[in-house]
């Protein structure tokens, strides 16, 4: 059976009822485009799935953290590492700024609680 094919109509009806979600939302408009997408039941969601949008100086940036047991094979890991290398200029700058911010917050917390 091809990927995404459904075995019978009752299964299709159950999936369409689950995947519709809210049809209107004040911020999203009348219908979300992902609402009509079928849910793939054979794909397990990672145990840690944090997705946050952060507004900074009038722009919106997203931050996603996914974690769980590694299920990808060696070939796929190698392909994805070639497509998305870890050590790029932008990633290094992001890590340095993040580490500096974390250091500043930790130092501030120690100084704030040192007075008690």
PDB file of N, CA and C in Angstrom:
ATOM      1  N   UNK A   1       0.853  -1.175   0.000  1.00  0.00           N
ATOM      2  CA  UNK A   1       0.000   0.000   0.000  1.00  0.00           C
ATOM      3  C   UNK A   1       0.902   1.242   0.000  1.00  0.00           C
ATOM      4  N   UNK A   2       0.678   2.220  -0.882  1.00  0.00           N
ATOM      5  CA  UNK A   2       1.534   3.410  -0.934  1.00  0.00           C
ATOM      6  C   UNK A   2       1.446   4.215   0.359  1.00  0.00           C
ATOM      7  N   UNK A   3       2.495   4.977   0.596  1.00  0.00           N
ATOM      8  CA  UNK A   3       2.533   5.816   1.789  1.00  0.00           C
ATOM      9  C   UNK A   3       1.386   6.814   1.757  1.00  0.00           C
ATOM     10  N   UNK A   4       0.592   6.865   2.801  1.00  0.00           N
ATOM     11  CA  UNK A   4      -0.534   7.785   2.872  1.00  0.00           C
ATOM     12  C   UNK A   4      -1.841   7.176   2.415  1.00  0.00           C
ATOM     13  N   UNK A   5      -1.810   5.964   1.821  1.00  0.00           N
ATOM     14  CA  UNK A   5      -3.038   5.319   1.378  1.00  0.00           C
ATOM     15  C   UNK A   5      -3.821   4.832   2.590  1.00  0.00           C
ATOM     16  N   UNK A   6      -5.120   4.873   2.477  1.00  0.00           N
ATOM     17  CA  UNK A   6      -5.982   4.472   3.584  1.00  0.00           C
ATOM     18  C   UNK A   6      -6.690   3.172   3.243  1.00  0.00           C
ATOM     19  N   UNK A   7      -6.786   2.232   4.209  1.00  0.00           N
ATOM     20  CA  UNK A   7      -7.327   0.913   3.913  1.00  0.00           C
ATOM     21  C   UNK A   7      -8.823   0.881   3.630  1.00  0.00           C
ATOM     22  N   UNK A   8      -9.631   1.695   4.289  1.00  0.00           N
ATOM     23  CA  UNK A   8     -11.066   1.648   4.044  1.00  0.00           C
ATOM     24  C   UNK A   8     -11.701   3.001   4.341  1.00  0.00           C
ATOM     25  N   UNK A   9     -12.967   3.147   3.980  1.00  0.00           N
ATOM     26  CA  UNK A   9     -13.654   4.431   4.115  1.00  0.00           C
ATOM     27  C   UNK A   9     -13.898   4.807   5.576  1.00  0.00           C
ATOM     28  N   UNK A  10     -14.186   3.835   6.464  1.00  0.00           N
ATOM     29  CA  UNK A  10     -14.429   4.177   7.866  1.00  0.00           C
ATOM     30  C   UNK A  10     -13.170   4.757   8.489  1.00  0.00           C
ATOM     31  N   UNK A  11     -12.018   4.226   8.087  1.00  0.00           N
ATOM     32  CA  UNK A  11     -10.746   4.782   8.561  1.00  0.00           C
ATOM     33  C   UNK A  11     -10.593   6.222   8.069  1.00  0.00           C
ATOM     34  N   UNK A  12     -10.953   6.478   6.798  1.00  0.00           N
ATOM     35  CA  UNK A  12     -10.884   7.826   6.221  1.00  0.00           C
ATOM     36  C   UNK A  12     -11.799   8.778   6.985  1.00  0.00           C
ATOM     37  N   UNK A  13     -13.018   8.340   7.299  1.00  0.00           N
ATOM     38  CA  UNK A  13     -13.958   9.198   8.023  1.00  0.00           C
ATOM     39  C   UNK A  13     -13.422   9.550   9.399  1.00  0.00           C
ATOM     40  N   UNK A  14     -12.825   8.567  10.081  1.00  0.00           N
ATOM     41  CA  UNK A  14     -12.284   8.813  11.418  1.00  0.00           C
ATOM     42  C   UNK A  14     -11.130   9.813  11.335  1.00  0.00           C
ATOM     43  N   UNK A  15     -10.280   9.662  10.333  1.00  0.00           N
ATOM     44  CA  UNK A  15      -9.158  10.589  10.186  1.00  0.00           C
ATOM     45  C   UNK A  15      -9.632  11.998   9.874  1.00  0.00           C
ATOM     46  N   UNK A  16     -10.623  12.138   8.999  1.00  0.00           N
ATOM     47  CA  UNK A  16     -11.077  13.473   8.632  1.00  0.00           C
ATOM     48  C   UNK A  16     -11.745  14.168   9.815  1.00  0.00           C
ATOM     49  N   UNK A  17     -12.421  13.421  10.675  1.00  0.00           N
ATOM     50  CA  UNK A  17     -13.014  14.027  11.857  1.00  0.00           C
ATOM     51  C   UNK A  17     -11.944  14.501  12.836  1.00  0.00           C
ATOM     52  N   UNK A  18     -10.863  13.728  12.978  1.00  0.00           N
ATOM     53  CA  UNK A  18      -9.803  14.091  13.912  1.00  0.00           C
ATOM     54  C   UNK A  18      -8.974  15.263  13.409  1.00  0.00           C
ATOM     55  N   UNK A  19      -8.735  15.347  12.102  1.00  0.00           N
ATOM     56  CA  UNK A  19      -7.773  16.314  11.590  1.00  0.00           C
ATOM     57  C   UNK A  19      -8.368  17.674  11.274  1.00  0.00           C
ATOM     58  N   UNK A  20      -9.678  17.832  11.319  1.00  0.00           N
ATOM     59  CA  UNK A  20     -10.251  19.122  10.951  1.00  0.00           C
ATOM     60  C   UNK A  20      -9.896  20.229  11.926  1.00  0.00           C
ATOM     61  N   UNK A  21      -9.985  19.977  13.216  1.00  0.00           N
ATOM     62  CA  UNK A  21      -9.661  21.002  14.195  1.00  0.00           C
ATOM     63  C   UNK A  21     -10.575  22.202  14.058  1.00  0.00           C
ATOM     64  N   UNK A  22     -10.207  23.343  14.682  1.00  0.00           N
ATOM     65  CA  UNK A  22     -11.035  24.539  14.566  1.00  0.00           C
ATOM     66  C   UNK A  22     -11.004  25.080  13.145  1.00  0.00           C
ATOM     67  N   UNK A  23     -12.179  25.438  12.619  1.00  0.00           N
ATOM     68  CA  UNK A  23     -12.251  25.945  11.252  1.00  0.00           C
ATOM     69  C   UNK A  23     -12.069  27.448  11.177  1.00  0.00           C
ATOM     70  N   UNK A  24     -12.202  28.143  12.293  1.00  0.00           N
ATOM     71  CA  UNK A  24     -11.961  29.581  12.254  1.00  0.00           C
ATOM     72  C   UNK A  24     -11.253  29.999  13.531  1.00  0.00           C
ATOM     73  N   UNK A  25     -10.481  31.045  13.401  1.00  0.00           N
ATOM     74  CA  UNK A  25      -9.721  31.571  14.521  1.00  0.00           C
ATOM     75  C   UNK A  25      -9.450  33.031  14.212  1.00  0.00           C
ATOM     76  N   UNK A  26      -9.533  33.922  15.203  1.00  0.00           N
ATOM     77  CA  UNK A  26      -9.354  35.346  14.914  1.00  0.00           C
ATOM     78  C   UNK A  26      -8.001  35.669  14.280  1.00  0.00           C
ATOM     79  N   UNK A  27      -6.954  34.944  14.631  1.00  0.00           N
ATOM     80  CA  UNK A  27      -5.630  35.248  14.096  1.00  0.00           C
ATOM     81  C   UNK A  27      -5.306  34.469  12.833  1.00  0.00           C
ATOM     82  N   UNK A  28      -5.957  33.339  12.622  1.00  0.00           N
ATOM     83  CA  UNK A  28      -5.618  32.478  11.495  1.00  0.00           C
ATOM     84  C   UNK A  28      -6.525  32.641  10.292  1.00  0.00           C
ATOM     85  N   UNK A  29      -7.608  33.377  10.414  1.00  0.00           N
ATOM     86  CA  UNK A  29      -8.532  33.508   9.299  1.00  0.00           C
ATOM     87  C   UNK A  29      -9.610  32.449   9.372  1.00  0.00           C
ATOM     88  N   UNK A  30     -10.251  32.198   8.231  1.00  0.00           N
ATOM     89  CA  UNK A  30     -11.390  31.284   8.216  1.00  0.00           C
ATOM     90  C   UNK A  30     -11.005  29.822   8.330  1.00  0.00           C
ATOM     91  N   UNK A  31      -9.898  29.423   7.719  1.00  0.00           N
ATOM     92  CA  UNK A  31      -9.553  27.999   7.735  1.00  0.00           C
ATOM     93  C   UNK A  31      -8.045  27.848   7.709  1.00  0.00           C
ATOM     94  N   UNK A  32      -7.533  27.038   8.612  1.00  0.00           N
ATOM     95  CA  UNK A  32      -6.096  26.775   8.638  1.00  0.00           C
ATOM     96  C   UNK A  32      -5.757  25.823   7.505  1.00  0.00           C
ATOM     97  N   UNK A  33      -4.680  26.050   6.762  1.00  0.00           N
ATOM     98  CA  UNK A  33      -4.346  25.153   5.661  1.00  0.00           C
ATOM     99  C   UNK A  33      -3.966  23.760   6.129  1.00  0.00           C
ATOM    100  N   UNK A  34      -3.360  23.619   7.304  1.00  0.00           N
ATOM    101  CA  UNK A  34      -2.969  22.302   7.777  1.00  0.00           C
ATOM    102  C   UNK A  34      -4.134  21.516   8.347  1.00  0.00           C
ATOM    103  N   UNK A  35      -5.297  22.152   8.512  1.00  0.00           N
ATOM    104  CA  UNK A  35      -6.436  21.464   9.104  1.00  0.00           C
ATOM    105  C   UNK A  35      -6.931  20.329   8.215  1.00  0.00           C
ATOM    106  N   UNK A  36      -6.802  20.459   6.899  1.00  0.00           N
ATOM    107  CA  UNK A  36      -7.299  19.442   5.988  1.00  0.00           C
ATOM    108  C   UNK A  36      -6.288  18.340   5.731  1.00  0.00           C
ATOM    109  N   UNK A  37      -5.057  18.494   6.196  1.00  0.00           N
ATOM    110  CA  UNK A  37      -4.030  17.484   5.958  1.00  0.00           C
ATOM    111  C   UNK A  37      -4.328  16.237   6.778  1.00  0.00           C
ATOM    112  N   UNK A  38      -4.215  15.055   6.172  1.00  0.00           N
ATOM    113  CA  UNK A  38      -4.479  13.835   6.931  1.00  0.00           C
ATOM    114  C   UNK A  38      -3.394  13.577   7.967  1.00  0.00           C
ATOM    115  N   UNK A  39      -3.786  12.958   9.054  1.00  0.00           N
ATOM    116  CA  UNK A  39      -2.854  12.623  10.127  1.00  0.00           C
ATOM    117  C   UNK A  39      -2.216  11.283   9.790  1.00  0.00           C
ATOM    118  N   UNK A  40      -0.892  11.225   9.863  1.00  0.00           N
ATOM    119  CA  UNK A  40      -0.206   9.961   9.612  1.00  0.00           C
ATOM    120  C   UNK A  40      -0.070   9.226  10.928  1.00  0.00           C
ATOM    121  N   UNK A  41      -0.804   8.131  11.072  1.00  0.00           N
ATOM    122  CA  UNK A  41      -0.820   7.390  12.322  1.00  0.00           C
ATOM    123  C   UNK A  41       0.446   6.583  12.547  1.00  0.00           C
ATOM    124  N   UNK A  42       1.176   6.234  11.464  1.00  0.00           N
ATOM    125  CA  UNK A  42       2.363   5.412  11.642  1.00  0.00           C
ATOM    126  C   UNK A  42       3.566   6.229  12.098  1.00  0.00           C
ATOM    127  N   UNK A  43       3.445   7.529  12.170  1.00  0.00           N
ATOM    128  CA  UNK A  43       4.532   8.386  12.612  1.00  0.00           C
ATOM    129  C   UNK A  43       4.306   8.777  14.069  1.00  0.00           C
ATOM    130  N   UNK A  44       5.271   8.454  14.925  1.00  0.00           N
ATOM    131  CA  UNK A  44       5.148   8.780  16.339  1.00  0.00           C
ATOM    132  C   UNK A  44       5.714  10.172  16.594  1.00  0.00           C
ATOM    133  N   UNK A  45       5.032  10.946  17.400  1.00  0.00           N
ATOM    134  CA  UNK A  45       5.513  12.274  17.764  1.00  0.00           C
ATOM    135  C   UNK A  45       6.629  12.132  18.789  1.00  0.00           C
ATOM    136  N   UNK A  46       7.626  13.017  18.732  1.00  0.00           N
ATOM    137  CA  UNK A  46       8.693  12.943  19.734  1.00  0.00           C
ATOM    138  C   UNK A  46       8.158  13.299  21.119  1.00  0.00           C
ATOM    139  N   UNK A  47       8.749  12.722  22.185  1.00  0.00           N
ATOM    140  CA  UNK A  47       8.264  13.007  23.537  1.00  0.00           C
ATOM    141  C   UNK A  47       8.419  14.478  23.920  1.00  0.00           C
ATOM    142  N   UNK A  48       9.483  15.126  23.461  1.00  0.00           N
ATOM    143  CA  UNK A  48       9.690  16.554  23.724  1.00  0.00           C
ATOM    144  C   UNK A  48       9.437  17.287  22.417  1.00  0.00           C
ATOM    145  N   UNK A  49       8.441  18.153  22.390  1.00  0.00           N
ATOM    146  CA  UNK A  49       8.062  18.867  21.175  1.00  0.00           C
ATOM    147  C   UNK A  49       7.689  20.298  21.568  1.00  0.00           C
ATOM    148  N   UNK A  50       8.686  21.178  21.620  1.00  0.00           N
ATOM    149  CA  UNK A  50       8.472  22.562  22.041  1.00  0.00           C
ATOM    150  C   UNK A  50       8.659  23.455  20.827  1.00  0.00           C
ATOM    151  N   UNK A  51       7.639  24.217  20.472  1.00  0.00           N
ATOM    152  CA  UNK A  51       7.703  25.139  19.343  1.00  0.00           C
ATOM    153  C   UNK A  51       7.179  26.489  19.810  1.00  0.00           C
ATOM    154  N   UNK A  52       8.018  27.508  19.705  1.00  0.00           N
ATOM    155  CA  UNK A  52       7.683  28.826  20.224  1.00  0.00           C
ATOM    156  C   UNK A  52       8.008  29.880  19.177  1.00  0.00           C
ATOM    157  N   UNK A  53       7.135  30.856  19.018  1.00  0.00           N
ATOM    158  CA  UNK A  53       7.404  32.016  18.176  1.00  0.00           C
ATOM    159  C   UNK A  53       7.691  33.196  19.087  1.00  0.00           C
ATOM    160  N   UNK A  54       8.821  33.868  18.834  1.00  0.00           N
ATOM    161  CA  UNK A  54       9.246  34.968  19.689  1.00  0.00           C
ATOM    162  C   UNK A  54       9.308  36.252  18.868  1.00  0.00           C
ATOM    163  N   UNK A  55       8.515  37.287  19.242  1.00  0.00           N
ATOM    164  CA  UNK A  55       8.606  38.564  18.529  1.00  0.00           C
ATOM    165  C   UNK A  55       9.803  39.370  19.041  1.00  0.00           C
ATOM    166  N   UNK A  56      10.657  39.818  18.116  1.00  0.00           N
ATOM    167  CA  UNK A  56      11.835  40.611  18.459  1.00  0.00           C
ATOM    168  C   UNK A  56      11.911  41.780  17.494  1.00  0.00           C
ATOM    169  N   UNK A  57      11.807  42.988  18.029  1.00  0.00           N
ATOM    170  CA  UNK A  57      11.936  44.206  17.237  1.00  0.00           C
ATOM    171  C   UNK A  57      11.040  44.203  16.004  1.00  0.00           C
ATOM    172  N   UNK A  58       9.790  43.820  16.184  1.00  0.00           N
ATOM    173  CA  UNK A  58       8.825  43.854  15.099  1.00  0.00           C
ATOM    174  C   UNK A  58       8.882  42.664  14.151  1.00  0.00           C
ATOM    175  N   UNK A  59       9.808  41.763  14.334  1.00  0.00           N
ATOM    176  CA  UNK A  59       9.894  40.563  13.511  1.00  0.00           C
ATOM    177  C   UNK A  59       9.571  39.359  14.377  1.00  0.00           C
ATOM    178  N   UNK A  60       9.131  38.286  13.730  1.00  0.00           N
ATOM    179  CA  UNK A  60       8.798  37.068  14.471  1.00  0.00           C
ATOM    180  C   UNK A  60       9.810  35.983  14.117  1.00  0.00           C
ATOM    181  N   UNK A  61      10.381  35.376  15.139  1.00  0.00           N
ATOM    182  CA  UNK A  61      11.327  34.293  14.973  1.00  0.00           C
ATOM    183  C   UNK A  61      10.750  33.059  15.648  1.00  0.00           C
ATOM    184  N   UNK A  62      11.003  31.905  15.061  1.00  0.00           N
ATOM    185  CA  UNK A  62      10.515  30.679  15.689  1.00  0.00           C
ATOM    186  C   UNK A  62      11.687  29.893  16.254  1.00  0.00           C
ATOM    187  N   UNK A  63      11.386  29.133  17.283  1.00  0.00           N
ATOM    188  CA  UNK A  63      12.369  28.313  17.969  1.00  0.00           C
ATOM    189  C   UNK A  63      11.706  26.965  18.222  1.00  0.00           C
ATOM    190  N   UNK A  64      12.350  25.889  17.801  1.00  0.00           N
ATOM    191  CA  UNK A  64      11.775  24.556  17.964  1.00  0.00           C
ATOM    192  C   UNK A  64      12.797  23.631  18.609  1.00  0.00           C
ATOM    193  N   UNK A  65      12.324  22.854  19.579  1.00  0.00           N
ATOM    194  CA  UNK A  65      13.161  21.840  20.212  1.00  0.00           C
ATOM    195  C   UNK A  65      12.392  20.521  20.135  1.00  0.00           C
ATOM    196  N   UNK A  66      12.981  19.551  19.473  1.00  0.00           N
ATOM    197  CA  UNK A  66      12.405  18.217  19.385  1.00  0.00           C
ATOM    198  C   UNK A  66      13.426  17.248  19.949  1.00  0.00           C
ATOM    199  N   UNK A  67      12.986  16.329  20.783  1.00  0.00           N
ATOM    200  CA  UNK A  67      13.911  15.367  21.364  1.00  0.00           C
ATOM    201  C   UNK A  67      13.195  14.041  21.566  1.00  0.00           C
ATOM    202  N   UNK A  68      13.939  12.982  21.435  1.00  0.00           N
ATOM    203  CA  UNK A  68      13.399  11.646  21.627  1.00  0.00           C
ATOM    204  C   UNK A  68      14.406  10.620  21.152  1.00  0.00           C
ATOM    205  N   UNK A  69      14.010   9.374  21.158  1.00  0.00           N
ATOM    206  CA  UNK A  69      14.880   8.288  20.741  1.00  0.00           C
ATOM    207  C   UNK A  69      15.162   8.416  19.237  1.00  0.00           C
ATOM    208  N   UNK A  70      16.425   8.270  18.854  1.00  0.00           N
ATOM    209  CA  UNK A  70      16.812   8.369  17.445  1.00  0.00           C
ATOM    210  C   UNK A  70      16.319   7.146  16.686  1.00  0.00           C
ATOM    211  N   UNK A  71      15.525   7.375  15.630  1.00  0.00           N
ATOM    212  CA  UNK A  71      14.998   6.266  14.836  1.00  0.00           C
ATOM    213  C   UNK A  71      15.470   6.332  13.389  1.00  0.00           C
ATOM    214  N   UNK A  72      16.255   7.360  13.041  1.00  0.00           N
ATOM    215  CA  UNK A  72      16.748   7.476  11.669  1.00  0.00           C
ATOM    216  C   UNK A  72      17.952   6.562  11.472  1.00  0.00           C
ATOM    217  N   UNK A  73      18.092   6.045  10.263  1.00  0.00           N
ATOM    218  CA  UNK A  73      19.210   5.174   9.936  1.00  0.00           C
ATOM    219  C   UNK A  73      20.474   5.980   9.655  1.00  0.00           C
ATOM    220  N   UNK A  74      21.596   5.275   9.520  1.00  0.00           N
ATOM    221  CA  UNK A  74      22.886   5.928   9.287  1.00  0.00           C
ATOM    222  C   UNK A  74      22.910   6.719   7.983  1.00  0.00           C
ATOM    223  N   UNK A  75      22.304   6.176   6.920  1.00  0.00           N
ATOM    224  CA  UNK A  75      22.293   6.880   5.634  1.00  0.00           C
ATOM    225  C   UNK A  75      21.534   8.193   5.734  1.00  0.00           C
ATOM    226  N   UNK A  76      20.376   8.150   6.375  1.00  0.00           N
ATOM    227  CA  UNK A  76      19.572   9.368   6.495  1.00  0.00           C
ATOM    228  C   UNK A  76      20.273  10.394   7.389  1.00  0.00           C
ATOM    229  N   UNK A  77      20.910   9.934   8.463  1.00  0.00           N
ATOM    230  CA  UNK A  77      21.652  10.857   9.325  1.00  0.00           C
ATOM    231  C   UNK A  77      22.764  11.549   8.548  1.00  0.00           C
ATOM    232  N   UNK A  78      23.507  10.783   7.741  1.00  0.00           N
ATOM    233  CA  UNK A  78      24.593  11.364   6.942  1.00  0.00           C
ATOM    234  C   UNK A  78      24.051  12.360   5.925  1.00  0.00           C
ATOM    235  N   UNK A  79      22.944  12.022   5.265  1.00  0.00           N
ATOM    236  CA  UNK A  79      22.342  12.928   4.290  1.00  0.00           C
ATOM    237  C   UNK A  79      21.885  14.228   4.950  1.00  0.00           C
ATOM    238  N   UNK A  80      21.207  14.119   6.073  1.00  0.00           N
ATOM    239  CA  UNK A  80      20.721  15.320   6.751  1.00  0.00           C
ATOM    240  C   UNK A  80      21.858  16.156   7.321  1.00  0.00           C
ATOM    241  N   UNK A  81      22.947  15.523   7.747  1.00  0.00           N
ATOM    242  CA  UNK A  81      24.093  16.280   8.257  1.00  0.00           C
ATOM    243  C   UNK A  81      24.767  17.045   7.123  1.00  0.00           C
ATOM    244  N   UNK A  82      24.789  16.452   5.895  1.00  0.00           N
ATOM    245  CA  UNK A  82      25.340  17.183   4.746  1.00  0.00           C
ATOM    246  C   UNK A  82      24.433  18.347   4.359  1.00  0.00           C
ATOM    247  N   UNK A  83      23.116  18.140   4.414  1.00  0.00           N
ATOM    248  CA  UNK A  83      22.170  19.205   4.050  1.00  0.00           C
ATOM    249  C   UNK A  83      22.129  20.317   5.102  1.00  0.00           C
ATOM    250  N   UNK A  84      22.269  19.958   6.365  1.00  0.00           N
ATOM    251  CA  UNK A  84      22.143  20.909   7.471  1.00  0.00           C
ATOM    252  C   UNK A  84      23.339  20.785   8.403  1.00  0.00           C
ATOM    253  N   UNK A  85      24.488  21.327   8.019  1.00  0.00           N
ATOM    254  CA  UNK A  85      25.658  21.211   8.903  1.00  0.00           C
ATOM    255  C   UNK A  85      25.444  21.974  10.202  1.00  0.00           C
ATOM    256  N   UNK A  86      26.024  21.460  11.269  1.00  0.00           N
ATOM    257  CA  UNK A  86      25.846  22.058  12.591  1.00  0.00           C
ATOM    258  C   UNK A  86      26.641  23.347  12.743  1.00  0.00           C
ATOM    259  N   UNK A  87      27.891  23.337  12.280  1.00  0.00           N
ATOM    260  CA  UNK A  87      28.763  24.485  12.495  1.00  0.00           C
ATOM    261  C   UNK A  87      28.761  25.416  11.286  1.00  0.00           C
ATOM    262  N   UNK A  88      27.750  26.284  11.243  1.00  0.00           N
ATOM    263  CA  UNK A  88      27.695  27.352  10.253  1.00  0.00           C
ATOM    264  C   UNK A  88      27.870  28.670  10.997  1.00  0.00           C
ATOM    265  N   UNK A  89      28.118  29.745  10.271  1.00  0.00           N
ATOM    266  CA  UNK A  89      28.298  31.054  10.918  1.00  0.00           C
ATOM    267  C   UNK A  89      27.091  31.429  11.766  1.00  0.00           C
ATOM    268  N   UNK A  90      25.919  31.261  11.207  1.00  0.00           N
ATOM    269  CA  UNK A  90      24.693  31.667  11.912  1.00  0.00           C
ATOM    270  C   UNK A  90      24.484  30.818  13.164  1.00  0.00           C
ATOM    271  N   UNK A  91      24.714  29.506  13.064  1.00  0.00           N
ATOM    272  CA  UNK A  91      24.542  28.643  14.238  1.00  0.00           C
ATOM    273  C   UNK A  91      25.534  28.994  15.343  1.00  0.00           C
ATOM    274  N   UNK A  92      26.786  29.247  14.984  1.00  0.00           N
ATOM    275  CA  UNK A  92      27.798  29.597  15.983  1.00  0.00           C
ATOM    276  C   UNK A  92      27.451  30.921  16.655  1.00  0.00           C
ATOM    277  N   UNK A  93      27.041  31.917  15.873  1.00  0.00           N
ATOM    278  CA  UNK A  93      26.651  33.210  16.456  1.00  0.00           C
ATOM    279  C   UNK A  93      25.453  33.032  17.384  1.00  0.00           C
ATOM    280  N   UNK A  94      24.468  32.240  16.956  1.00  0.00           N
ATOM    281  CA  UNK A  94      23.294  31.988  17.791  1.00  0.00           C
ATOM    282  C   UNK A  94      23.696  31.334  19.108  1.00  0.00           C
ATOM    283  N   UNK A  95      24.571  30.329  19.043  1.00  0.00           N
ATOM    284  CA  UNK A  95      25.009  29.651  20.263  1.00  0.00           C
ATOM    285  C   UNK A  95      25.796  30.585  21.180  1.00  0.00           C
ATOM    286  N   UNK A  96      26.648  31.431  20.618  1.00  0.00           N
ATOM    287  CA  UNK A  96      27.404  32.380  21.437  1.00  0.00           C
ATOM    288  C   UNK A  96      26.488  33.400  22.105  1.00  0.00           C
ATOM    289  N   UNK A  97      25.547  33.933  21.362  1.00  0.00           N
ATOM    290  CA  UNK A  97      24.599  34.897  21.948  1.00  0.00           C
ATOM    291  C   UNK A  97      23.741  34.209  23.007  1.00  0.00           C
ATOM    292  N   UNK A  98      23.276  33.001  22.736  1.00  0.00           N
ATOM    293  CA  UNK A  98      22.476  32.259  23.715  1.00  0.00           C
ATOM    294  C   UNK A  98      23.261  31.947  24.974  1.00  0.00           C
ATOM    295  N   UNK A  99      24.520  31.522  24.804  1.00  0.00           N
ATOM    296  CA  UNK A  99      25.358  31.227  25.974  1.00  0.00           C
ATOM    297  C   UNK A  99      25.625  32.498  26.770  1.00  0.00           C
ATOM    298  N   UNK A 100      25.874  33.612  26.082  1.00  0.00           N
ATOM    299  CA  UNK A 100      26.094  34.889  26.773  1.00  0.00           C
ATOM    300  C   UNK A 100      24.866  35.346  27.535  1.00  0.00           C
ATOM    301  N   UNK A 101      23.683  35.179  26.923  1.00  0.00           N
ATOM    302  CA  UNK A 101      22.443  35.559  27.611  1.00  0.00           C
ATOM    303  C   UNK A 101      22.198  34.674  28.831  1.00  0.00           C
ATOM    304  N   UNK A 102      22.442  33.373  28.679  1.00  0.00           N
ATOM    305  CA  UNK A 102      22.277  32.467  29.816  1.00  0.00           C
ATOM    306  C   UNK A 102      23.261  32.800  30.938  1.00  0.00           C
ATOM    307  N   UNK A 103      24.489  33.130  30.576  1.00  0.00           N
ATOM    308  CA  UNK A 103      25.493  33.525  31.560  1.00  0.00           C
ATOM    309  C   UNK A 103      25.060  34.801  32.279  1.00  0.00           C
ATOM    310  N   UNK A 104      24.572  35.793  31.522  1.00  0.00           N
ATOM    311  CA  UNK A 104      24.136  37.061  32.121  1.00  0.00           C
ATOM    312  C   UNK A 104      22.951  36.838  33.065  1.00  0.00           C
ATOM    313  N   UNK A 105      21.998  36.003  32.666  1.00  0.00           N
ATOM    314  CA  UNK A 105      20.854  35.726  33.539  1.00  0.00           C
ATOM    315  C   UNK A 105      21.285  35.003  34.809  1.00  0.00           C
ATOM    316  N   UNK A 106      22.199  34.041  34.675  1.00  0.00           N
ATOM    317  CA  UNK A 106      22.693  33.313  35.847  1.00  0.00           C
ATOM    318  C   UNK A 106      23.456  34.237  36.781  1.00  0.00           C
ATOM    319  N   UNK A 107      24.322  35.065  36.222  1.00  0.00           N
ATOM    320  CA  UNK A 107      25.075  36.023  37.027  1.00  0.00           C
ATOM    321  C   UNK A 107      24.132  36.999  37.729  1.00  0.00           C
ATOM    322  N   UNK A 108      23.130  37.480  37.008  1.00  0.00           N
ATOM    323  CA  UNK A 108      22.141  38.377  37.616  1.00  0.00           C
ATOM    324  C   UNK A 108      21.379  37.722  38.752  1.00  0.00           C
ATOM    325  N   UNK A 109      21.032  36.435  38.574  1.00  0.00           N
ATOM    326  CA  UNK A 109      20.314  35.723  39.633  1.00  0.00           C
ATOM    327  C   UNK A 109      21.202  35.552  40.863  1.00  0.00           C
ATOM    328  N   UNK A 110      22.482  35.213  40.659  1.00  0.00           N
ATOM    329  CA  UNK A 110      23.393  35.080  41.789  1.00  0.00           C
ATOM    330  C   UNK A 110      23.567  36.410  42.513  1.00  0.00           C
ATOM    331  N   UNK A 111      23.698  37.495  41.782  1.00  0.00           N
ATOM    332  CA  UNK A 111      23.858  38.803  42.407  1.00  0.00           C
ATOM    333  C   UNK A 111      22.588  39.228  43.131  1.00  0.00           C
ATOM    334  N   UNK A 112      21.428  38.914  42.565  1.00  0.00           N
ATOM    335  CA  UNK A 112      20.170  39.293  43.187  1.00  0.00           C
ATOM    336  C   UNK A 112      19.961  38.528  44.504  1.00  0.00           C
ATOM    337  N   UNK A 113      20.312  37.248  44.523  1.00  0.00           N
ATOM    338  CA  UNK A 113      20.093  36.438  45.724  1.00  0.00           C
ATOM    339  C   UNK A 113      21.258  36.524  46.701  1.00  0.00           C
ATOM    340  N   UNK A 114      22.378  37.138  46.315  1.00  0.00           N
ATOM    341  CA  UNK A 114      23.514  37.273  47.220  1.00  0.00           C
ATOM    342  C   UNK A 114      23.190  38.245  48.363  1.00  0.00           C
ATOM    343  N   UNK A 115      22.270  39.137  48.134  1.00  0.00           N
ATOM    344  CA  UNK A 115      21.896  40.115  49.155  1.00  0.00           C
ATOM    345  C   UNK A 115      21.030  39.533  50.255  1.00  0.00           C
ATOM    346  N   UNK A 116      20.453  38.365  50.059  1.00  0.00           N
ATOM    347  CA  UNK A 116      19.550  37.788  51.066  1.00  0.00           C
ATOM    348  C   UNK A 116      20.284  37.086  52.147  1.00  0.00           C
TER     349      UNK A 116
END
